[in-house]
Amino acid sequence: MGAFAIRGPLSPADVPGLCDRVCEMLANEGGEVVMCDVEGVGPDAVTVDALCRLQVAARRHACQVRLRGASDELLELIAFMGLTDVFAD
């Protein structure tokens, strides 16, 4: 199981590079699940967008992203946006 961390705040310009780094990690390490440490990351639309894009990228590598250290606010925003199933087990 691989792992990586996101530190914020994120801007929209940060998302493509983040996705590229995670895709490279997934291509090199493989695995079915990768843990994404989001402790301290602000609950905003850019963060949720980045997490969703990372999940799509992971699925292309037959992998799933699981969140670690997500704040209640971030989880509530994910739920409010109707994306809870994107990160469900």
PDB file of N, CA and C in Angstrom:
ATOM      1  N   MET A   1       0.855  -1.177   0.000  1.00  0.00           N
ATOM      2  CA  MET A   1       0.000   0.000   0.000  1.00  0.00           C
ATOM      3  C   MET A   1       0.897   1.234   0.000  1.00  0.00           C
ATOM      4  N   GLY A   2       0.691   2.070  -0.988  1.00  0.00           N
ATOM      5  CA  GLY A   2       1.436   3.310  -1.079  1.00  0.00           C
ATOM      6  C   GLY A   2       0.764   4.406  -0.273  1.00  0.00           C
ATOM      7  N   ALA A   3       1.483   5.504  -0.120  1.00  0.00           N
ATOM      8  CA  ALA A   3       0.938   6.644   0.602  1.00  0.00           C
ATOM      9  C   ALA A   3       1.577   7.923   0.092  1.00  0.00           C
ATOM     10  N   PHE A   4       0.810   8.990   0.181  1.00  0.00           N
ATOM     11  CA  PHE A   4       1.314  10.315  -0.131  1.00  0.00           C
ATOM     12  C   PHE A   4       0.525  11.313   0.693  1.00  0.00           C
ATOM     13  N   ALA A   5       1.017  12.535   0.756  1.00  0.00           N
ATOM     14  CA  ALA A   5       0.354  13.573   1.533  1.00  0.00           C
ATOM     15  C   ALA A   5       0.103  14.789   0.658  1.00  0.00           C
ATOM     16  N   ILE A   6      -0.983  15.453   0.950  1.00  0.00           N
ATOM     17  CA  ILE A   6      -1.291  16.736   0.315  1.00  0.00           C
ATOM     18  C   ILE A   6      -1.198  17.791   1.402  1.00  0.00           C
ATOM     19  N   ARG A   7      -0.476  18.834   1.108  1.00  0.00           N
ATOM     20  CA  ARG A   7      -0.395  19.961   2.029  1.00  0.00           C
ATOM     21  C   ARG A   7      -0.971  21.172   1.322  1.00  0.00           C
ATOM     22  N   GLY A   8      -1.755  21.926   2.010  1.00  0.00           N
ATOM     23  CA  GLY A   8      -2.433  23.052   1.389  1.00  0.00           C
ATOM     24  C   GLY A   8      -1.874  24.361   1.866  1.00  0.00           C
ATOM     25  N   PRO A   9      -2.454  25.403   1.411  1.00  0.00           N
ATOM     26  CA  PRO A   9      -3.608  25.401   0.520  1.00  0.00           C
ATOM     27  C   PRO A   9      -3.222  25.070  -0.917  1.00  0.00           C
ATOM     28  N   LEU A  10      -4.142  24.466  -1.621  1.00  0.00           N
ATOM     29  CA  LEU A  10      -3.944  24.135  -3.029  1.00  0.00           C
ATOM     30  C   LEU A  10      -4.560  25.215  -3.896  1.00  0.00           C
ATOM     31  N   SER A  11      -3.915  25.485  -4.999  1.00  0.00           N
ATOM     32  CA  SER A  11      -4.509  26.359  -6.008  1.00  0.00           C
ATOM     33  C   SER A  11      -4.836  25.493  -7.214  1.00  0.00           C
ATOM     34  N   PRO A  12      -5.713  25.938  -8.089  1.00  0.00           N
ATOM     35  CA  PRO A  12      -6.024  25.147  -9.281  1.00  0.00           C
ATOM     36  C   PRO A  12      -4.770  24.818 -10.105  1.00  0.00           C
ATOM     37  N   ALA A  13      -3.795  25.688 -10.101  1.00  0.00           N
ATOM     38  CA  ALA A  13      -2.562  25.448 -10.859  1.00  0.00           C
ATOM     39  C   ALA A  13      -1.725  24.309 -10.275  1.00  0.00           C
ATOM     40  N   ASP A  14      -1.942  23.964  -8.998  1.00  0.00           N
ATOM     41  CA  ASP A  14      -1.193  22.883  -8.349  1.00  0.00           C
ATOM     42  C   ASP A  14      -1.682  21.493  -8.745  1.00  0.00           C
ATOM     43  N   VAL A  15      -2.934  21.407  -9.179  1.00  0.00           N
ATOM     44  CA  VAL A  15      -3.576  20.100  -9.375  1.00  0.00           C
ATOM     45  C   VAL A  15      -2.914  19.250 -10.463  1.00  0.00           C
ATOM     46  N   PRO A  16      -2.594  19.775 -11.646  1.00  0.00           N
ATOM     47  CA  PRO A  16      -1.972  18.916 -12.667  1.00  0.00           C
ATOM     48  C   PRO A  16      -0.637  18.305 -12.215  1.00  0.00           C
ATOM     49  N   GLY A  17       0.198  19.098 -11.567  1.00  0.00           N
ATOM     50  CA  GLY A  17       1.483  18.573 -11.086  1.00  0.00           C
ATOM     51  C   GLY A  17       1.303  17.518 -10.014  1.00  0.00           C
ATOM     52  N   LEU A  18       0.347  17.733  -9.124  1.00  0.00           N
ATOM     53  CA  LEU A  18       0.041  16.757  -8.084  1.00  0.00           C
ATOM     54  C   LEU A  18      -0.406  15.448  -8.712  1.00  0.00           C
ATOM     55  N   CYS A  19      -1.303  15.530  -9.682  1.00  0.00           N
ATOM     56  CA  CYS A  19      -1.769  14.327 -10.372  1.00  0.00           C
ATOM     57  C   CYS A  19      -0.622  13.612 -11.076  1.00  0.00           C
ATOM     58  N   ASP A  20       0.254  14.358 -11.712  1.00  0.00           N
ATOM     59  CA  ASP A  20       1.408  13.749 -12.400  1.00  0.00           C
ATOM     60  C   ASP A  20       2.293  12.996 -11.414  1.00  0.00           C
ATOM     61  N   ARG A  21       2.574  13.602 -10.255  1.00  0.00           N
ATOM     62  CA  ARG A  21       3.437  12.945  -9.261  1.00  0.00           C
ATOM     63  C   ARG A  21       2.799  11.674  -8.714  1.00  0.00           C
ATOM     64  N   VAL A  22       1.494  11.736  -8.444  1.00  0.00           N
ATOM     65  CA  VAL A  22       0.806  10.556  -7.911  1.00  0.00           C
ATOM     66  C   VAL A  22       0.721   9.462  -8.974  1.00  0.00           C
ATOM     67  N   CYS A  23       0.466   9.821 -10.219  1.00  0.00           N
ATOM     68  CA  CYS A  23       0.427   8.822 -11.298  1.00  0.00           C
ATOM     69  C   CYS A  23       1.777   8.143 -11.457  1.00  0.00           C
ATOM     70  N   GLU A  24       2.843   8.903 -11.357  1.00  0.00           N
ATOM     71  CA  GLU A  24       4.183   8.317 -11.447  1.00  0.00           C
ATOM     72  C   GLU A  24       4.418   7.339 -10.297  1.00  0.00           C
ATOM     73  N   MET A  25       3.996   7.728  -9.086  1.00  0.00           N
ATOM     74  CA  MET A  25       4.131   6.846  -7.931  1.00  0.00           C
ATOM     75  C   MET A  25       3.333   5.559  -8.146  1.00  0.00           C
ATOM     76  N   LEU A  26       2.104   5.683  -8.639  1.00  0.00           N
ATOM     77  CA  LEU A  26       1.265   4.507  -8.865  1.00  0.00           C
ATOM     78  C   LEU A  26       1.855   3.599  -9.940  1.00  0.00           C
ATOM     79  N   ALA A  27       2.411   4.176 -10.984  1.00  0.00           N
ATOM     80  CA  ALA A  27       3.017   3.378 -12.054  1.00  0.00           C
ATOM     81  C   ALA A  27       4.225   2.615 -11.544  1.00  0.00           C
ATOM     82  N   ASN A  28       4.977   3.215 -10.630  1.00  0.00           N
ATOM     83  CA  ASN A  28       6.195   2.583 -10.116  1.00  0.00           C
ATOM     84  C   ASN A  28       5.928   1.597  -8.993  1.00  0.00           C
ATOM     85  N   GLU A  29       4.954   1.909  -8.122  1.00  0.00           N
ATOM     86  CA  GLU A  29       4.720   1.090  -6.934  1.00  0.00           C
ATOM     87  C   GLU A  29       3.559   0.125  -7.073  1.00  0.00           C
ATOM     88  N   GLY A  30       2.559   0.489  -7.858  1.00  0.00           N
ATOM     89  CA  GLY A  30       1.380  -0.365  -7.990  1.00  0.00           C
ATOM     90  C   GLY A  30       0.610  -0.434  -6.684  1.00  0.00           C
ATOM     91  N   GLY A  31      -0.168  -1.481  -6.517  1.00  0.00           N
ATOM     92  CA  GLY A  31      -0.979  -1.664  -5.318  1.00  0.00           C
ATOM     93  C   GLY A  31      -2.441  -1.411  -5.599  1.00  0.00           C
ATOM     94  N   GLU A  32      -3.270  -1.895  -4.688  1.00  0.00           N
ATOM     95  CA  GLU A  32      -4.709  -1.742  -4.851  1.00  0.00           C
ATOM     96  C   GLU A  32      -5.264  -0.519  -4.139  1.00  0.00           C
ATOM     97  N   VAL A  33      -4.567  -0.081  -3.089  1.00  0.00           N
ATOM     98  CA  VAL A  33      -5.022   1.061  -2.300  1.00  0.00           C
ATOM     99  C   VAL A  33      -3.834   1.965  -2.040  1.00  0.00           C
ATOM    100  N   VAL A  34      -4.071   3.264  -2.128  1.00  0.00           N
ATOM    101  CA  VAL A  34      -3.064   4.256  -1.769  1.00  0.00           C
ATOM    102  C   VAL A  34      -3.712   5.204  -0.768  1.00  0.00           C
ATOM    103  N   MET A  35      -3.005   5.473   0.314  1.00  0.00           N
ATOM    104  CA  MET A  35      -3.512   6.363   1.353  1.00  0.00           C
ATOM    105  C   MET A  35      -3.063   7.785   1.058  1.00  0.00           C
ATOM    106  N   CYS A  36      -4.003   8.707   1.151  1.00  0.00           N
ATOM    107  CA  CYS A  36      -3.735  10.126   0.922  1.00  0.00           C
ATOM    108  C   CYS A  36      -3.938  10.863   2.238  1.00  0.00           C
ATOM    109  N   ASP A  37      -2.854  11.338   2.819  1.00  0.00           N
ATOM    110  CA  ASP A  37      -2.918  12.088   4.070  1.00  0.00           C
ATOM    111  C   ASP A  37      -3.330  13.519   3.758  1.00  0.00           C
ATOM    112  N   VAL A  38      -4.491  13.910   4.244  1.00  0.00           N
ATOM    113  CA  VAL A  38      -5.016  15.250   3.991  1.00  0.00           C
ATOM    114  C   VAL A  38      -5.168  16.043   5.286  1.00  0.00           C
ATOM    115  N   GLU A  39      -4.478  15.605   6.330  1.00  0.00           N
ATOM    116  CA  GLU A  39      -4.553  16.301   7.610  1.00  0.00           C
ATOM    117  C   GLU A  39      -4.099  17.750   7.442  1.00  0.00           C
ATOM    118  N   GLY A  40      -4.919  18.652   7.869  1.00  0.00           N
ATOM    119  CA  GLY A  40      -4.587  20.064   7.793  1.00  0.00           C
ATOM    120  C   GLY A  40      -4.907  20.743   6.474  1.00  0.00           C
ATOM    121  N   VAL A  41      -5.410  19.992   5.499  1.00  0.00           N
ATOM    122  CA  VAL A  41      -5.771  20.587   4.219  1.00  0.00           C
ATOM    123  C   VAL A  41      -7.140  21.252   4.358  1.00  0.00           C
ATOM    124  N   GLY A  42      -7.244  22.451   3.848  1.00  0.00           N
ATOM    125  CA  GLY A  42      -8.490  23.200   3.957  1.00  0.00           C
ATOM    126  C   GLY A  42      -9.627  22.557   3.183  1.00  0.00           C
ATOM    127  N   PRO A  43     -10.831  22.650   3.740  1.00  0.00           N
ATOM    128  CA  PRO A  43     -11.998  22.112   3.046  1.00  0.00           C
ATOM    129  C   PRO A  43     -12.525  23.113   2.025  1.00  0.00           C
ATOM    130  N   ASP A  44     -12.085  22.970   0.789  1.00  0.00           N
ATOM    131  CA  ASP A  44     -12.568  23.870  -0.247  1.00  0.00           C
ATOM    132  C   ASP A  44     -12.731  23.102  -1.554  1.00  0.00           C
ATOM    133  N   ALA A  45     -13.320  23.774  -2.530  1.00  0.00           N
ATOM    134  CA  ALA A  45     -13.632  23.124  -3.804  1.00  0.00           C
ATOM    135  C   ALA A  45     -12.374  22.679  -4.547  1.00  0.00           C
ATOM    136  N   VAL A  46     -11.286  23.418  -4.423  1.00  0.00           N
ATOM    137  CA  VAL A  46     -10.048  23.027  -5.108  1.00  0.00           C
ATOM    138  C   VAL A  46      -9.518  21.717  -4.531  1.00  0.00           C
ATOM    139  N   THR A  47      -9.572  21.575  -3.220  1.00  0.00           N
ATOM    140  CA  THR A  47      -9.121  20.335  -2.583  1.00  0.00           C
ATOM    141  C   THR A  47      -9.970  19.152  -3.038  1.00  0.00           C
ATOM    142  N   VAL A  48     -11.285  19.326  -3.039  1.00  0.00           N
ATOM    143  CA  VAL A  48     -12.174  18.239  -3.458  1.00  0.00           C
ATOM    144  C   VAL A  48     -11.938  17.903  -4.928  1.00  0.00           C
ATOM    145  N   ASP A  49     -11.755  18.903  -5.763  1.00  0.00           N
ATOM    146  CA  ASP A  49     -11.447  18.671  -7.178  1.00  0.00           C
ATOM    147  C   ASP A  49     -10.164  17.861  -7.313  1.00  0.00           C
ATOM    148  N   ALA A  50      -9.130  18.252  -6.585  1.00  0.00           N
ATOM    149  CA  ALA A  50      -7.851  17.531  -6.645  1.00  0.00           C
ATOM    150  C   ALA A  50      -8.019  16.083  -6.202  1.00  0.00           C
ATOM    151  N   LEU A  51      -8.744  15.868  -5.110  1.00  0.00           N
ATOM    152  CA  LEU A  51      -8.947  14.505  -4.613  1.00  0.00           C
ATOM    153  C   LEU A  51      -9.717  13.654  -5.619  1.00  0.00           C
ATOM    154  N   CYS A  52     -10.721  14.227  -6.258  1.00  0.00           N
ATOM    155  CA  CYS A  52     -11.488  13.484  -7.262  1.00  0.00           C
ATOM    156  C   CYS A  52     -10.614  13.149  -8.468  1.00  0.00           C
ATOM    157  N   ARG A  53      -9.808  14.084  -8.900  1.00  0.00           N
ATOM    158  CA  ARG A  53      -8.906  13.818 -10.028  1.00  0.00           C
ATOM    159  C   ARG A  53      -7.891  12.736  -9.677  1.00  0.00           C
ATOM    160  N   LEU A  54      -7.407  12.763  -8.435  1.00  0.00           N
ATOM    161  CA  LEU A  54      -6.471  11.723  -7.998  1.00  0.00           C
ATOM    162  C   LEU A  54      -7.153  10.364  -7.966  1.00  0.00           C
ATOM    163  N   GLN A  55      -8.418  10.336  -7.559  1.00  0.00           N
ATOM    164  CA  GLN A  55      -9.152   9.069  -7.543  1.00  0.00           C
ATOM    165  C   GLN A  55      -9.316   8.528  -8.960  1.00  0.00           C
ATOM    166  N   VAL A  56      -9.636   9.390  -9.909  1.00  0.00           N
ATOM    167  CA  VAL A  56      -9.766   8.959 -11.305  1.00  0.00           C
ATOM    168  C   VAL A  56      -8.427   8.413 -11.809  1.00  0.00           C
ATOM    169  N   ALA A  57      -7.348   9.124 -11.509  1.00  0.00           N
ATOM    170  CA  ALA A  57      -6.020   8.680 -11.935  1.00  0.00           C
ATOM    171  C   ALA A  57      -5.671   7.335 -11.303  1.00  0.00           C
ATOM    172  N   ALA A  58      -5.988   7.176 -10.029  1.00  0.00           N
ATOM    173  CA  ALA A  58      -5.705   5.913  -9.350  1.00  0.00           C
ATOM    174  C   ALA A  58      -6.493   4.770  -9.969  1.00  0.00           C
ATOM    175  N   ARG A  59      -7.731   5.005 -10.288  1.00  0.00           N
ATOM    176  CA  ARG A  59      -8.560   3.953 -10.882  1.00  0.00           C
ATOM    177  C   ARG A  59      -8.017   3.514 -12.241  1.00  0.00           C
ATOM    178  N   ARG A  60      -7.367   4.417 -12.945  1.00  0.00           N
ATOM    179  CA  ARG A  60      -6.732   4.044 -14.215  1.00  0.00           C
ATOM    180  C   ARG A  60      -5.573   3.082 -13.994  1.00  0.00           C
ATOM    181  N   HIS A  61      -5.061   3.055 -12.764  1.00  0.00           N
ATOM    182  CA  HIS A  61      -3.978   2.142 -12.392  1.00  0.00           C
ATOM    183  C   HIS A  61      -4.503   0.985 -11.536  1.00  0.00           C
ATOM    184  N   ALA A  62      -5.818   0.735 -11.613  1.00  0.00           N
ATOM    185  CA  ALA A  62      -6.474  -0.331 -10.847  1.00  0.00           C
ATOM    186  C   ALA A  62      -6.222  -0.169  -9.348  1.00  0.00           C
ATOM    187  N   CYS A  63      -6.312   1.068  -8.881  1.00  0.00           N
ATOM    188  CA  CYS A  63      -6.037   1.407  -7.495  1.00  0.00           C
ATOM    189  C   CYS A  63      -7.148   2.320  -6.984  1.00  0.00           C
ATOM    190  N   GLN A  64      -7.229   2.461  -5.667  1.00  0.00           N
ATOM    191  CA  GLN A  64      -8.202   3.362  -5.050  1.00  0.00           C
ATOM    192  C   GLN A  64      -7.495   4.265  -4.056  1.00  0.00           C
ATOM    193  N   VAL A  65      -7.918   5.514  -3.995  1.00  0.00           N
ATOM    194  CA  VAL A  65      -7.404   6.460  -3.011  1.00  0.00           C
ATOM    195  C   VAL A  65      -8.293   6.409  -1.782  1.00  0.00           C
ATOM    196  N   ARG A  66      -7.684   6.302  -0.620  1.00  0.00           N
ATOM    197  CA  ARG A  66      -8.390   6.378   0.661  1.00  0.00           C
ATOM    198  C   ARG A  66      -7.825   7.563   1.417  1.00  0.00           C
ATOM    199  N   LEU A  67      -8.691   8.318   2.052  1.00  0.00           N
ATOM    200  CA  LEU A  67      -8.283   9.520   2.771  1.00  0.00           C
ATOM    201  C   LEU A  67      -7.898   9.186   4.206  1.00  0.00           C
ATOM    202  N   ARG A  68      -6.816   9.821   4.655  1.00  0.00           N
ATOM    203  CA  ARG A  68      -6.367   9.671   6.038  1.00  0.00           C
ATOM    204  C   ARG A  68      -6.265  11.078   6.642  1.00  0.00           C
ATOM    205  N   GLY A  69      -6.799  11.237   7.828  1.00  0.00           N
ATOM    206  CA  GLY A  69      -6.688  12.511   8.521  1.00  0.00           C
ATOM    207  C   GLY A  69      -7.602  13.602   8.001  1.00  0.00           C
ATOM    208  N   ALA A  70      -8.665  13.224   7.296  1.00  0.00           N
ATOM    209  CA  ALA A  70      -9.595  14.223   6.755  1.00  0.00           C
ATOM    210  C   ALA A  70     -10.381  14.861   7.895  1.00  0.00           C
ATOM    211  N   SER A  71     -10.496  16.174   7.853  1.00  0.00           N
ATOM    212  CA  SER A  71     -11.279  16.885   8.859  1.00  0.00           C
ATOM    213  C   SER A  71     -12.769  16.623   8.634  1.00  0.00           C
ATOM    214  N   ASP A  72     -13.530  16.834   9.681  1.00  0.00           N
ATOM    215  CA  ASP A  72     -14.984  16.701   9.547  1.00  0.00           C
ATOM    216  C   ASP A  72     -15.512  17.658   8.486  1.00  0.00           C
ATOM    217  N   GLU A  73     -14.924  18.852   8.420  1.00  0.00           N
ATOM    218  CA  GLU A  73     -15.373  19.847   7.440  1.00  0.00           C
ATOM    219  C   GLU A  73     -15.125  19.374   6.015  1.00  0.00           C
ATOM    220  N   LEU A  74     -13.969  18.765   5.781  1.00  0.00           N
ATOM    221  CA  LEU A  74     -13.669  18.251   4.438  1.00  0.00           C
ATOM    222  C   LEU A  74     -14.617  17.113   4.085  1.00  0.00           C
ATOM    223  N   LEU A  75     -14.847  16.207   5.018  1.00  0.00           N
ATOM    224  CA  LEU A  75     -15.777  15.104   4.765  1.00  0.00           C
ATOM    225  C   LEU A  75     -17.195  15.612   4.530  1.00  0.00           C
ATOM    226  N   GLU A  76     -17.591  16.647   5.260  1.00  0.00           N
ATOM    227  CA  GLU A  76     -18.918  17.233   5.059  1.00  0.00           C
ATOM    228  C   GLU A  76     -19.027  17.890   3.685  1.00  0.00           C
ATOM    229  N   LEU A  77     -17.971  18.559   3.249  1.00  0.00           N
ATOM    230  CA  LEU A  77     -17.989  19.177   1.923  1.00  0.00           C
ATOM    231  C   LEU A  77     -18.065  18.111   0.834  1.00  0.00           C
ATOM    232  N   ILE A  78     -17.313  17.036   0.991  1.00  0.00           N
ATOM    233  CA  ILE A  78     -17.369  15.928   0.035  1.00  0.00           C
ATOM    234  C   ILE A  78     -18.793  15.377  -0.035  1.00  0.00           C
ATOM    235  N   ALA A  79     -19.414  15.209   1.130  1.00  0.00           N
ATOM    236  CA  ALA A  79     -20.796  14.710   1.165  1.00  0.00           C
ATOM    237  C   ALA A  79     -21.759  15.718   0.544  1.00  0.00           C
ATOM    238  N   PHE A  80     -21.588  17.008   0.856  1.00  0.00           N
ATOM    239  CA  PHE A  80     -22.453  18.051   0.313  1.00  0.00           C
ATOM    240  C   PHE A  80     -22.387  18.074  -1.207  1.00  0.00           C
ATOM    241  N   MET A  81     -21.203  17.799  -1.753  1.00  0.00           N
ATOM    242  CA  MET A  81     -21.013  17.815  -3.212  1.00  0.00           C
ATOM    243  C   MET A  81     -21.475  16.493  -3.842  1.00  0.00           C
ATOM    244  N   GLY A  82     -21.984  15.565  -3.023  1.00  0.00           N
ATOM    245  CA  GLY A  82     -22.493  14.307  -3.538  1.00  0.00           C
ATOM    246  C   GLY A  82     -21.406  13.336  -3.957  1.00  0.00           C
ATOM    247  N   LEU A  83     -20.237  13.440  -3.346  1.00  0.00           N
ATOM    248  CA  LEU A  83     -19.092  12.636  -3.775  1.00  0.00           C
ATOM    249  C   LEU A  83     -18.636  11.611  -2.740  1.00  0.00           C
ATOM    250  N   THR A  84     -19.470  11.346  -1.761  1.00  0.00           N
ATOM    251  CA  THR A  84     -19.088  10.393  -0.716  1.00  0.00           C
ATOM    252  C   THR A  84     -18.733   9.038  -1.308  1.00  0.00           C
ATOM    253  N   ASP A  85     -19.480   8.582  -2.295  1.00  0.00           N
ATOM    254  CA  ASP A  85     -19.217   7.272  -2.899  1.00  0.00           C
ATOM    255  C   ASP A  85     -17.870   7.213  -3.620  1.00  0.00           C
ATOM    256  N   VAL A  86     -17.349   8.355  -4.002  1.00  0.00           N
ATOM    257  CA  VAL A  86     -16.057   8.382  -4.692  1.00  0.00           C
ATOM    258  C   VAL A  86     -14.959   7.886  -3.775  1.00  0.00           C
ATOM    259  N   PHE A  87     -15.108   8.110  -2.465  1.00  0.00           N
ATOM    260  CA  PHE A  87     -14.073   7.722  -1.518  1.00  0.00           C
ATOM    261  C   PHE A  87     -14.528   6.626  -0.563  1.00  0.00           C
ATOM    262  N   ALA A  88     -15.657   5.984  -0.864  1.00  0.00           N
ATOM    263  CA  ALA A  88     -16.164   4.902  -0.010  1.00  0.00           C
ATOM    264  C   ALA A  88     -15.357   3.631  -0.230  1.00  0.00           C
ATOM    265  N   ASP A  89     -15.350   2.810   0.793  1.00  0.00           N
ATOM    266  CA  ASP A  89     -14.644   1.511   0.703  1.00  0.00           C
ATOM    267  C   ASP A  89     -15.312   0.591  -0.251  1.00  0.00           C
TER     268      ASP A  89
END
